[in-house]
């Protein structure tokens, strides 16, 4: 299960939004369970975050635009940070720009 915990808008020129999700241990540890968040709205678009595993057992985290119409172009910069409760040095960070 992955639940939206908090939304914060940064006070910058880009209008950055920071979404915090609480992801249960079953999503990160169970090799056979995929999870998708409920839809959330940002920038007049509907989005979901999907957590899934490939055949290699690697956890994939994807930002998915739900309401794209034909001819729509949407560019986003995003960062996923998976925080380790045991020690900060084990945190995982993935980012993309202009996707």
PDB file of N, CA and C in Angstrom:
ATOM      1  N   UNK A   1       0.838  -1.166   0.000  1.00  0.00           N
ATOM      2  CA  UNK A   1       0.000   0.000   0.000  1.00  0.00           C
ATOM      3  C   UNK A   1       0.891   1.239   0.000  1.00  0.00           C
ATOM      4  N   UNK A   2       0.481   2.232  -0.750  1.00  0.00           N
ATOM      5  CA  UNK A   2       1.210   3.497  -0.824  1.00  0.00           C
ATOM      6  C   UNK A   2       0.192   4.630  -0.687  1.00  0.00           C
ATOM      7  N   UNK A   3       0.300   5.387   0.382  1.00  0.00           N
ATOM      8  CA  UNK A   3      -0.668   6.438   0.673  1.00  0.00           C
ATOM      9  C   UNK A   3      -0.014   7.807   0.631  1.00  0.00           C
ATOM     10  N   UNK A   4      -0.735   8.775   0.053  1.00  0.00           N
ATOM     11  CA  UNK A   4      -0.258  10.157   0.066  1.00  0.00           C
ATOM     12  C   UNK A   4      -0.338  10.661   1.501  1.00  0.00           C
ATOM     13  N   UNK A   5       0.797  11.045   2.038  1.00  0.00           N
ATOM     14  CA  UNK A   5       0.881  11.480   3.426  1.00  0.00           C
ATOM     15  C   UNK A   5       0.834  13.003   3.539  1.00  0.00           C
ATOM     16  N   UNK A   6       1.568  13.682   2.643  1.00  0.00           N
ATOM     17  CA  UNK A   6       1.663  15.135   2.754  1.00  0.00           C
ATOM     18  C   UNK A   6       1.990  15.747   1.399  1.00  0.00           C
ATOM     19  N   UNK A   7       1.444  16.931   1.156  1.00  0.00           N
ATOM     20  CA  UNK A   7       1.803  17.724  -0.016  1.00  0.00           C
ATOM     21  C   UNK A   7       2.284  19.075   0.478  1.00  0.00           C
ATOM     22  N   UNK A   8       3.415  19.511  -0.041  1.00  0.00           N
ATOM     23  CA  UNK A   8       3.982  20.812   0.309  1.00  0.00           C
ATOM     24  C   UNK A   8       4.374  21.525  -0.972  1.00  0.00           C
ATOM     25  N   UNK A   9       4.052  22.792  -1.062  1.00  0.00           N
ATOM     26  CA  UNK A   9       4.462  23.585  -2.215  1.00  0.00           C
ATOM     27  C   UNK A   9       5.681  24.408  -1.816  1.00  0.00           C
ATOM     28  N   UNK A  10       6.767  24.217  -2.552  1.00  0.00           N
ATOM     29  CA  UNK A  10       7.988  24.982  -2.293  1.00  0.00           C
ATOM     30  C   UNK A  10       7.790  26.412  -2.788  1.00  0.00           C
ATOM     31  N   UNK A  11       8.403  27.346  -2.135  1.00  0.00           N
ATOM     32  CA  UNK A  11       8.272  28.754  -2.522  1.00  0.00           C
ATOM     33  C   UNK A  11       9.400  29.121  -3.470  1.00  0.00           C
ATOM     34  N   UNK A  12       9.320  28.555  -4.680  1.00  0.00           N
ATOM     35  CA  UNK A  12      10.331  28.849  -5.694  1.00  0.00           C
ATOM     36  C   UNK A  12       9.643  29.284  -6.984  1.00  0.00           C
ATOM     37  N   UNK A  13      10.426  29.740  -7.944  1.00  0.00           N
ATOM     38  CA  UNK A  13       9.868  30.232  -9.206  1.00  0.00           C
ATOM     39  C   UNK A  13       9.233  29.132 -10.032  1.00  0.00           C
ATOM     40  N   UNK A  14       9.694  27.912  -9.878  1.00  0.00           N
ATOM     41  CA  UNK A  14       9.200  26.804 -10.693  1.00  0.00           C
ATOM     42  C   UNK A  14       7.874  26.242 -10.189  1.00  0.00           C
ATOM     43  N   UNK A  15       7.436  26.649  -9.011  1.00  0.00           N
ATOM     44  CA  UNK A  15       6.188  26.123  -8.467  1.00  0.00           C
ATOM     45  C   UNK A  15       6.297  24.656  -8.079  1.00  0.00           C
ATOM     46  N   UNK A  16       7.400  24.299  -7.487  1.00  0.00           N
ATOM     47  CA  UNK A  16       7.678  22.909  -7.132  1.00  0.00           C
ATOM     48  C   UNK A  16       6.677  22.388  -6.111  1.00  0.00           C
ATOM     49  N   UNK A  17       6.201  21.180  -6.343  1.00  0.00           N
ATOM     50  CA  UNK A  17       5.336  20.484  -5.396  1.00  0.00           C
ATOM     51  C   UNK A  17       6.070  19.284  -4.841  1.00  0.00           C
ATOM     52  N   UNK A  18       5.980  19.080  -3.537  1.00  0.00           N
ATOM     53  CA  UNK A  18       6.645  17.951  -2.890  1.00  0.00           C
ATOM     54  C   UNK A  18       5.566  17.043  -2.318  1.00  0.00           C
ATOM     55  N   UNK A  19       5.492  15.840  -2.854  1.00  0.00           N
ATOM     56  CA  UNK A  19       4.524  14.847  -2.411  1.00  0.00           C
ATOM     57  C   UNK A  19       5.255  13.806  -1.580  1.00  0.00           C
ATOM     58  N   UNK A  20       4.720  13.508  -0.417  1.00  0.00           N
ATOM     59  CA  UNK A  20       5.307  12.489   0.449  1.00  0.00           C
ATOM     60  C   UNK A  20       4.330  11.331   0.553  1.00  0.00           C
ATOM     61  N   UNK A  21       4.798  10.147   0.196  1.00  0.00           N
ATOM     62  CA  UNK A  21       3.983   8.943   0.273  1.00  0.00           C
ATOM     63  C   UNK A  21       4.556   8.023   1.336  1.00  0.00           C
ATOM     64  N   UNK A  22       3.682   7.371   2.069  1.00  0.00           N
ATOM     65  CA  UNK A  22       4.087   6.330   3.003  1.00  0.00           C
ATOM     66  C   UNK A  22       3.872   5.004   2.282  1.00  0.00           C
ATOM     67  N   UNK A  23       4.953   4.262   2.137  1.00  0.00           N
ATOM     68  CA  UNK A  23       4.904   2.982   1.434  1.00  0.00           C
ATOM     69  C   UNK A  23       5.152   1.883   2.456  1.00  0.00           C
ATOM     70  N   UNK A  24       4.241   0.930   2.522  1.00  0.00           N
ATOM     71  CA  UNK A  24       4.380  -0.140   3.503  1.00  0.00           C
ATOM     72  C   UNK A  24       5.507  -1.091   3.121  1.00  0.00           C
ATOM     73  N   UNK A  25       5.967  -1.815   4.091  1.00  0.00           N
ATOM     74  CA  UNK A  25       7.066  -2.748   3.897  1.00  0.00           C
ATOM     75  C   UNK A  25       6.723  -3.811   2.853  1.00  0.00           C
ATOM     76  N   UNK A  26       5.455  -4.183   2.760  1.00  0.00           N
ATOM     77  CA  UNK A  26       5.072  -5.226   1.804  1.00  0.00           C
ATOM     78  C   UNK A  26       5.369  -4.808   0.364  1.00  0.00           C
ATOM     79  N   UNK A  27       5.301  -3.529   0.069  1.00  0.00           N
ATOM     80  CA  UNK A  27       5.595  -3.054  -1.287  1.00  0.00           C
ATOM     81  C   UNK A  27       7.081  -3.179  -1.589  1.00  0.00           C
ATOM     82  N   UNK A  28       7.914  -2.873  -0.632  1.00  0.00           N
ATOM     83  CA  UNK A  28       9.357  -2.897  -0.881  1.00  0.00           C
ATOM     84  C   UNK A  28       9.987  -4.263  -0.684  1.00  0.00           C
ATOM     85  N   UNK A  29       9.352  -5.142   0.060  1.00  0.00           N
ATOM     86  CA  UNK A  29       9.956  -6.439   0.358  1.00  0.00           C
ATOM     87  C   UNK A  29       9.313  -7.609  -0.383  1.00  0.00           C
ATOM     88  N   UNK A  30       8.015  -7.534  -0.670  1.00  0.00           N
ATOM     89  CA  UNK A  30       7.305  -8.648  -1.299  1.00  0.00           C
ATOM     90  C   UNK A  30       7.586  -8.643  -2.796  1.00  0.00           C
ATOM     91  N   UNK A  31       8.179  -9.707  -3.307  1.00  0.00           N
ATOM     92  CA  UNK A  31       8.576  -9.773  -4.711  1.00  0.00           C
ATOM     93  C   UNK A  31       7.399  -9.951  -5.662  1.00  0.00           C
ATOM     94  N   UNK A  32       6.229 -10.262  -5.151  1.00  0.00           N
ATOM     95  CA  UNK A  32       5.101 -10.578  -6.023  1.00  0.00           C
ATOM     96  C   UNK A  32       3.952  -9.589  -5.901  1.00  0.00           C
ATOM     97  N   UNK A  33       4.144  -8.512  -5.185  1.00  0.00           N
ATOM     98  CA  UNK A  33       3.071  -7.546  -4.989  1.00  0.00           C
ATOM     99  C   UNK A  33       3.433  -6.212  -5.639  1.00  0.00           C
ATOM    100  N   UNK A  34       2.548  -5.726  -6.483  1.00  0.00           N
ATOM    101  CA  UNK A  34       2.687  -4.400  -7.080  1.00  0.00           C
ATOM    102  C   UNK A  34       1.697  -3.467  -6.390  1.00  0.00           C
ATOM    103  N   UNK A  35       1.982  -2.176  -6.408  1.00  0.00           N
ATOM    104  CA  UNK A  35       1.093  -1.205  -5.774  1.00  0.00           C
ATOM    105  C   UNK A  35       1.030   0.050  -6.622  1.00  0.00           C
ATOM    106  N   UNK A  36      -0.122   0.703  -6.588  1.00  0.00           N
ATOM    107  CA  UNK A  36      -0.325   1.976  -7.272  1.00  0.00           C
ATOM    108  C   UNK A  36      -1.043   2.908  -6.311  1.00  0.00           C
ATOM    109  N   UNK A  37      -0.607   4.152  -6.249  1.00  0.00           N
ATOM    110  CA  UNK A  37      -1.261   5.125  -5.379  1.00  0.00           C
ATOM    111  C   UNK A  37      -2.610   5.507  -5.963  1.00  0.00           C
ATOM    112  N   UNK A  38      -3.420   6.156  -5.156  1.00  0.00           N
ATOM    113  CA  UNK A  38      -4.638   6.762  -5.683  1.00  0.00           C
ATOM    114  C   UNK A  38      -4.228   7.950  -6.539  1.00  0.00           C
ATOM    115  N   UNK A  39      -5.110   8.351  -7.436  1.00  0.00           N
ATOM    116  CA  UNK A  39      -4.809   9.504  -8.292  1.00  0.00           C
ATOM    117  C   UNK A  39      -4.680  10.768  -7.453  1.00  0.00           C
ATOM    118  N   UNK A  40      -3.735  11.608  -7.844  1.00  0.00           N
ATOM    119  CA  UNK A  40      -3.598  12.922  -7.238  1.00  0.00           C
ATOM    120  C   UNK A  40      -3.440  13.933  -8.363  1.00  0.00           C
ATOM    121  N   UNK A  41      -3.811  15.172  -8.092  1.00  0.00           N
ATOM    122  CA  UNK A  41      -3.794  16.222  -9.107  1.00  0.00           C
ATOM    123  C   UNK A  41      -2.662  17.194  -8.830  1.00  0.00           C
ATOM    124  N   UNK A  42      -1.940  17.523  -9.897  1.00  0.00           N
ATOM    125  CA  UNK A  42      -0.913  18.558  -9.822  1.00  0.00           C
ATOM    126  C   UNK A  42      -0.770  19.169 -11.205  1.00  0.00           C
ATOM    127  N   UNK A  43      -0.765  20.490 -11.281  1.00  0.00           N
ATOM    128  CA  UNK A  43      -0.629  21.181 -12.559  1.00  0.00           C
ATOM    129  C   UNK A  43      -1.774  20.880 -13.514  1.00  0.00           C
ATOM    130  N   UNK A  44      -2.978  20.740 -12.972  1.00  0.00           N
ATOM    131  CA  UNK A  44      -4.189  20.447 -13.747  1.00  0.00           C
ATOM    132  C   UNK A  44      -4.139  19.092 -14.442  1.00  0.00           C
ATOM    133  N   UNK A  45      -3.284  18.210 -13.976  1.00  0.00           N
ATOM    134  CA  UNK A  45      -3.193  16.855 -14.524  1.00  0.00           C
ATOM    135  C   UNK A  45      -3.368  15.850 -13.394  1.00  0.00           C
ATOM    136  N   UNK A  46      -3.851  14.662 -13.755  1.00  0.00           N
ATOM    137  CA  UNK A  46      -4.008  13.580 -12.783  1.00  0.00           C
ATOM    138  C   UNK A  46      -2.830  12.622 -12.925  1.00  0.00           C
ATOM    139  N   UNK A  47      -2.263  12.239 -11.792  1.00  0.00           N
ATOM    140  CA  UNK A  47      -1.069  11.401 -11.752  1.00  0.00           C
ATOM    141  C   UNK A  47      -1.267  10.233 -10.799  1.00  0.00           C
ATOM    142  N   UNK A  48      -0.482   9.183 -10.982  1.00  0.00           N
ATOM    143  CA  UNK A  48      -0.344   8.103 -10.006  1.00  0.00           C
ATOM    144  C   UNK A  48       1.128   7.718  -9.951  1.00  0.00           C
ATOM    145  N   UNK A  49       1.523   7.124  -8.844  1.00  0.00           N
ATOM    146  CA  UNK A  49       2.856   6.544  -8.711  1.00  0.00           C
ATOM    147  C   UNK A  49       2.662   5.038  -8.622  1.00  0.00           C
ATOM    148  N   UNK A  50       3.412   4.314  -9.429  1.00  0.00           N
ATOM    149  CA  UNK A  50       3.300   2.860  -9.480  1.00  0.00           C
ATOM    150  C   UNK A  50       4.599   2.229  -8.985  1.00  0.00           C
ATOM    151  N   UNK A  51       4.465   1.213  -8.156  1.00  0.00           N
ATOM    152  CA  UNK A  51       5.599   0.444  -7.644  1.00  0.00           C
ATOM    153  C   UNK A  51       5.442  -0.980  -8.160  1.00  0.00           C
ATOM    154  N   UNK A  52       6.424  -1.468  -8.900  1.00  0.00           N
ATOM    155  CA  UNK A  52       6.326  -2.843  -9.396  1.00  0.00           C
ATOM    156  C   UNK A  52       7.696  -3.482  -9.491  1.00  0.00           C
ATOM    157  N   UNK A  53       7.674  -4.782  -9.650  1.00  0.00           N
ATOM    158  CA  UNK A  53       8.913  -5.566  -9.738  1.00  0.00           C
ATOM    159  C   UNK A  53       9.019  -6.192 -11.113  1.00  0.00           C
ATOM    160  N   UNK A  54      10.233  -6.226 -11.623  1.00  0.00           N
ATOM    161  CA  UNK A  54      10.487  -6.899 -12.895  1.00  0.00           C
ATOM    162  C   UNK A  54      10.939  -8.326 -12.603  1.00  0.00           C
ATOM    163  N   UNK A  55      11.278  -9.049 -13.639  1.00  0.00           N
ATOM    164  CA  UNK A  55      11.754 -10.423 -13.462  1.00  0.00           C
ATOM    165  C   UNK A  55      13.041 -10.483 -12.653  1.00  0.00           C
ATOM    166  N   UNK A  56      13.805  -9.403 -12.654  1.00  0.00           N
ATOM    167  CA  UNK A  56      15.079  -9.385 -11.922  1.00  0.00           C
ATOM    168  C   UNK A  56      14.900  -9.048 -10.442  1.00  0.00           C
ATOM    169  N   UNK A  57      13.650  -8.915 -10.000  1.00  0.00           N
ATOM    170  CA  UNK A  57      13.321  -8.612  -8.597  1.00  0.00           C
ATOM    171  C   UNK A  57      13.668  -7.187  -8.194  1.00  0.00           C
ATOM    172  N   UNK A  58      14.027  -6.345  -9.166  1.00  0.00           N
ATOM    173  CA  UNK A  58      14.347  -4.955  -8.868  1.00  0.00           C
ATOM    174  C   UNK A  58      13.051  -4.148  -8.772  1.00  0.00           C
ATOM    175  N   UNK A  59      12.959  -3.296  -7.765  1.00  0.00           N
ATOM    176  CA  UNK A  59      11.777  -2.471  -7.568  1.00  0.00           C
ATOM    177  C   UNK A  59      11.801  -1.303  -8.543  1.00  0.00           C
ATOM    178  N   UNK A  60      10.733  -1.157  -9.311  1.00  0.00           N
ATOM    179  CA  UNK A  60      10.588  -0.033 -10.229  1.00  0.00           C
ATOM    180  C   UNK A  60       9.569   0.952  -9.683  1.00  0.00           C
ATOM    181  N   UNK A  61       9.867   2.235  -9.765  1.00  0.00           N
ATOM    182  CA  UNK A  61       8.958   3.279  -9.313  1.00  0.00           C
ATOM    183  C   UNK A  61       8.714   4.191 -10.500  1.00  0.00           C
ATOM    184  N   UNK A  62       7.431   4.387 -10.848  1.00  0.00           N
ATOM    185  CA  UNK A  62       7.088   5.121 -12.061  1.00  0.00           C
ATOM    186  C   UNK A  62       6.055   6.200 -11.760  1.00  0.00           C
ATOM    187  N   UNK A  63       6.249   7.370 -12.354  1.00  0.00           N
ATOM    188  CA  UNK A  63       5.277   8.451 -12.305  1.00  0.00           C
ATOM    189  C   UNK A  63       4.461   8.364 -13.587  1.00  0.00           C
ATOM    190  N   UNK A  64       3.138   8.221 -13.464  1.00  0.00           N
ATOM    191  CA  UNK A  64       2.282   7.987 -14.626  1.00  0.00           C
ATOM    192  C   UNK A  64       1.259   9.106 -14.746  1.00  0.00           C
ATOM    193  N   UNK A  65       1.195   9.723 -15.925  1.00  0.00           N
ATOM    194  CA  UNK A  65       0.192  10.741 -16.238  1.00  0.00           C
ATOM    195  C   UNK A  65      -1.070  10.026 -16.682  1.00  0.00           C
ATOM    196  N   UNK A  66      -2.199  10.272 -16.011  1.00  0.00           N
ATOM    197  CA  UNK A  66      -3.423   9.530 -16.279  1.00  0.00           C
ATOM    198  C   UNK A  66      -4.347  10.173 -17.311  1.00  0.00           C
ATOM    199  N   UNK A  67      -4.340  11.469 -17.463  1.00  0.00           N
ATOM    200  CA  UNK A  67      -5.339  12.097 -18.323  1.00  0.00           C
ATOM    201  C   UNK A  67      -4.723  12.813 -19.519  1.00  0.00           C
ATOM    202  N   UNK A  68      -3.731  12.227 -20.133  1.00  0.00           N
ATOM    203  CA  UNK A  68      -3.100  12.859 -21.298  1.00  0.00           C
ATOM    204  C   UNK A  68      -4.010  12.719 -22.510  1.00  0.00           C
ATOM    205  N   UNK A  69      -4.248  13.821 -23.185  1.00  0.00           N
ATOM    206  CA  UNK A  69      -5.038  13.782 -24.414  1.00  0.00           C
ATOM    207  C   UNK A  69      -4.088  13.851 -25.605  1.00  0.00           C
ATOM    208  N   UNK A  70      -4.612  13.547 -26.770  1.00  0.00           N
ATOM    209  CA  UNK A  70      -3.790  13.547 -27.984  1.00  0.00           C
ATOM    210  C   UNK A  70      -3.147  14.920 -28.180  1.00  0.00           C
ATOM    211  N   UNK A  71      -1.874  14.934 -28.465  1.00  0.00           N
ATOM    212  CA  UNK A  71      -1.159  16.173 -28.717  1.00  0.00           C
ATOM    213  C   UNK A  71      -0.659  16.887 -27.472  1.00  0.00           C
ATOM    214  N   UNK A  72      -0.926  16.347 -26.299  1.00  0.00           N
ATOM    215  CA  UNK A  72      -0.477  16.967 -25.056  1.00  0.00           C
ATOM    216  C   UNK A  72       0.994  16.672 -24.817  1.00  0.00           C
ATOM    217  N   UNK A  73       1.743  17.705 -24.467  1.00  0.00           N
ATOM    218  CA  UNK A  73       3.138  17.538 -24.062  1.00  0.00           C
ATOM    219  C   UNK A  73       3.270  18.060 -22.645  1.00  0.00           C
ATOM    220  N   UNK A  74       3.817  17.242 -21.806  1.00  0.00           N
ATOM    221  CA  UNK A  74       3.980  17.603 -20.403  1.00  0.00           C
ATOM    222  C   UNK A  74       5.389  17.223 -19.990  1.00  0.00           C
ATOM    223  N   UNK A  75       6.178  18.185 -19.545  1.00  0.00           N
ATOM    224  CA  UNK A  75       7.552  17.938 -19.125  1.00  0.00           C
ATOM    225  C   UNK A  75       7.643  18.110 -17.615  1.00  0.00           C
ATOM    226  N   UNK A  76       8.220  17.140 -16.954  1.00  0.00           N
ATOM    227  CA  UNK A  76       8.359  17.210 -15.500  1.00  0.00           C
ATOM    228  C   UNK A  76       9.778  16.833 -15.086  1.00  0.00           C
ATOM    229  N   UNK A  77      10.204  17.415 -13.990  1.00  0.00           N
ATOM    230  CA  UNK A  77      11.421  16.991 -13.300  1.00  0.00           C
ATOM    231  C   UNK A  77      10.936  16.324 -12.022  1.00  0.00           C
ATOM    232  N   UNK A  78      11.428  15.137 -11.743  1.00  0.00           N
ATOM    233  CA  UNK A  78      10.977  14.466 -10.532  1.00  0.00           C
ATOM    234  C   UNK A  78      12.107  13.693  -9.872  1.00  0.00           C
ATOM    235  N   UNK A  79      11.943  13.506  -8.575  1.00  0.00           N
ATOM    236  CA  UNK A  79      12.898  12.743  -7.775  1.00  0.00           C
ATOM    237  C   UNK A  79      12.126  11.789  -6.884  1.00  0.00           C
ATOM    238  N   UNK A  80      12.556  10.537  -6.851  1.00  0.00           N
ATOM    239  CA  UNK A  80      12.017   9.560  -5.912  1.00  0.00           C
ATOM    240  C   UNK A  80      13.100   9.275  -4.885  1.00  0.00           C
ATOM    241  N   UNK A  81      12.746   9.388  -3.626  1.00  0.00           N
ATOM    242  CA  UNK A  81      13.680   9.071  -2.542  1.00  0.00           C
ATOM    243  C   UNK A  81      13.047   8.002  -1.666  1.00  0.00           C
ATOM    244  N   UNK A  82      13.691   6.858  -1.575  1.00  0.00           N
ATOM    245  CA  UNK A  82      13.242   5.799  -0.671  1.00  0.00           C
ATOM    246  C   UNK A  82      14.122   5.866   0.567  1.00  0.00           C
ATOM    247  N   UNK A  83      13.509   6.186   1.693  1.00  0.00           N
ATOM    248  CA  UNK A  83      14.254   6.399   2.929  1.00  0.00           C
ATOM    249  C   UNK A  83      14.329   5.110   3.730  1.00  0.00           C
ATOM    250  N   UNK A  84      15.523   4.779   4.169  1.00  0.00           N
ATOM    251  CA  UNK A  84      15.751   3.587   4.970  1.00  0.00           C
ATOM    252  C   UNK A  84      15.643   3.951   6.442  1.00  0.00           C
ATOM    253  N   UNK A  85      14.809   3.232   7.167  1.00  0.00           N
ATOM    254  CA  UNK A  85      14.600   3.538   8.583  1.00  0.00           C
ATOM    255  C   UNK A  85      15.806   3.188   9.445  1.00  0.00           C
ATOM    256  N   UNK A  86      16.624   2.253   8.991  1.00  0.00           N
ATOM    257  CA  UNK A  86      17.749   1.813   9.803  1.00  0.00           C
ATOM    258  C   UNK A  86      18.918   2.803   9.770  1.00  0.00           C
ATOM    259  N   UNK A  87      19.242   3.304   8.562  1.00  0.00           N
ATOM    260  CA  UNK A  87      20.364   4.238   8.470  1.00  0.00           C
ATOM    261  C   UNK A  87      20.242   5.069   7.193  1.00  0.00           C
ATOM    262  N   UNK A  88      20.496   6.372   7.311  1.00  0.00           N
ATOM    263  CA  UNK A  88      20.338   7.275   6.172  1.00  0.00           C
ATOM    264  C   UNK A  88      21.277   6.938   5.023  1.00  0.00           C
ATOM    265  N   UNK A  89      22.396   6.295   5.286  1.00  0.00           N
ATOM    266  CA  UNK A  89      23.344   5.968   4.217  1.00  0.00           C
ATOM    267  C   UNK A  89      22.800   4.906   3.262  1.00  0.00           C
ATOM    268  N   UNK A  90      21.705   4.258   3.642  1.00  0.00           N
ATOM    269  CA  UNK A  90      21.093   3.229   2.801  1.00  0.00           C
ATOM    270  C   UNK A  90      19.906   3.765   2.008  1.00  0.00           C
ATOM    271  N   UNK A  91      19.692   5.077   2.031  1.00  0.00           N
ATOM    272  CA  UNK A  91      18.618   5.680   1.244  1.00  0.00           C
ATOM    273  C   UNK A  91      18.895   5.498  -0.243  1.00  0.00           C
ATOM    274  N   UNK A  92      17.826   5.376  -1.029  1.00  0.00           N
ATOM    275  CA  UNK A  92      17.937   5.247  -2.479  1.00  0.00           C
ATOM    276  C   UNK A  92      17.283   6.461  -3.120  1.00  0.00           C
ATOM    277  N   UNK A  93      17.962   7.086  -4.091  1.00  0.00           N
ATOM    278  CA  UNK A  93      17.435   8.272  -4.766  1.00  0.00           C
ATOM    279  C   UNK A  93      17.530   8.076  -6.270  1.00  0.00           C
ATOM    280  N   UNK A  94      16.439   8.421  -6.968  1.00  0.00           N
ATOM    281  CA  UNK A  94      16.387   8.335  -8.421  1.00  0.00           C
ATOM    282  C   UNK A  94      15.748   9.623  -8.930  1.00  0.00           C
ATOM    283  N   UNK A  95      16.348  10.258  -9.937  1.00  0.00           N
ATOM    284  CA  UNK A  95      15.760  11.497 -10.453  1.00  0.00           C
ATOM    285  C   UNK A  95      15.845  11.547 -11.973  1.00  0.00           C
ATOM    286  N   UNK A  96      14.914  12.281 -12.550  1.00  0.00           N
ATOM    287  CA  UNK A  96      14.861  12.520 -13.997  1.00  0.00           C
ATOM    288  C   UNK A  96      14.509  13.982 -14.222  1.00  0.00           C
ATOM    289  N   UNK A  97      15.050  14.560 -15.285  1.00  0.00           N
ATOM    290  CA  UNK A  97      14.762  15.954 -15.632  1.00  0.00           C
ATOM    291  C   UNK A  97      14.227  16.035 -17.049  1.00  0.00           C
ATOM    292  N   UNK A  98      13.189  16.835 -17.215  1.00  0.00           N
ATOM    293  CA  UNK A  98      12.647  17.095 -18.544  1.00  0.00           C
ATOM    294  C   UNK A  98      12.002  15.908 -19.220  1.00  0.00           C
ATOM    295  N   UNK A  99      11.454  15.020 -18.445  1.00  0.00           N
ATOM    296  CA  UNK A  99      10.810  13.830 -19.007  1.00  0.00           C
ATOM    297  C   UNK A  99       9.390  14.163 -19.392  1.00  0.00           C
TER     298      UNK A  99
END
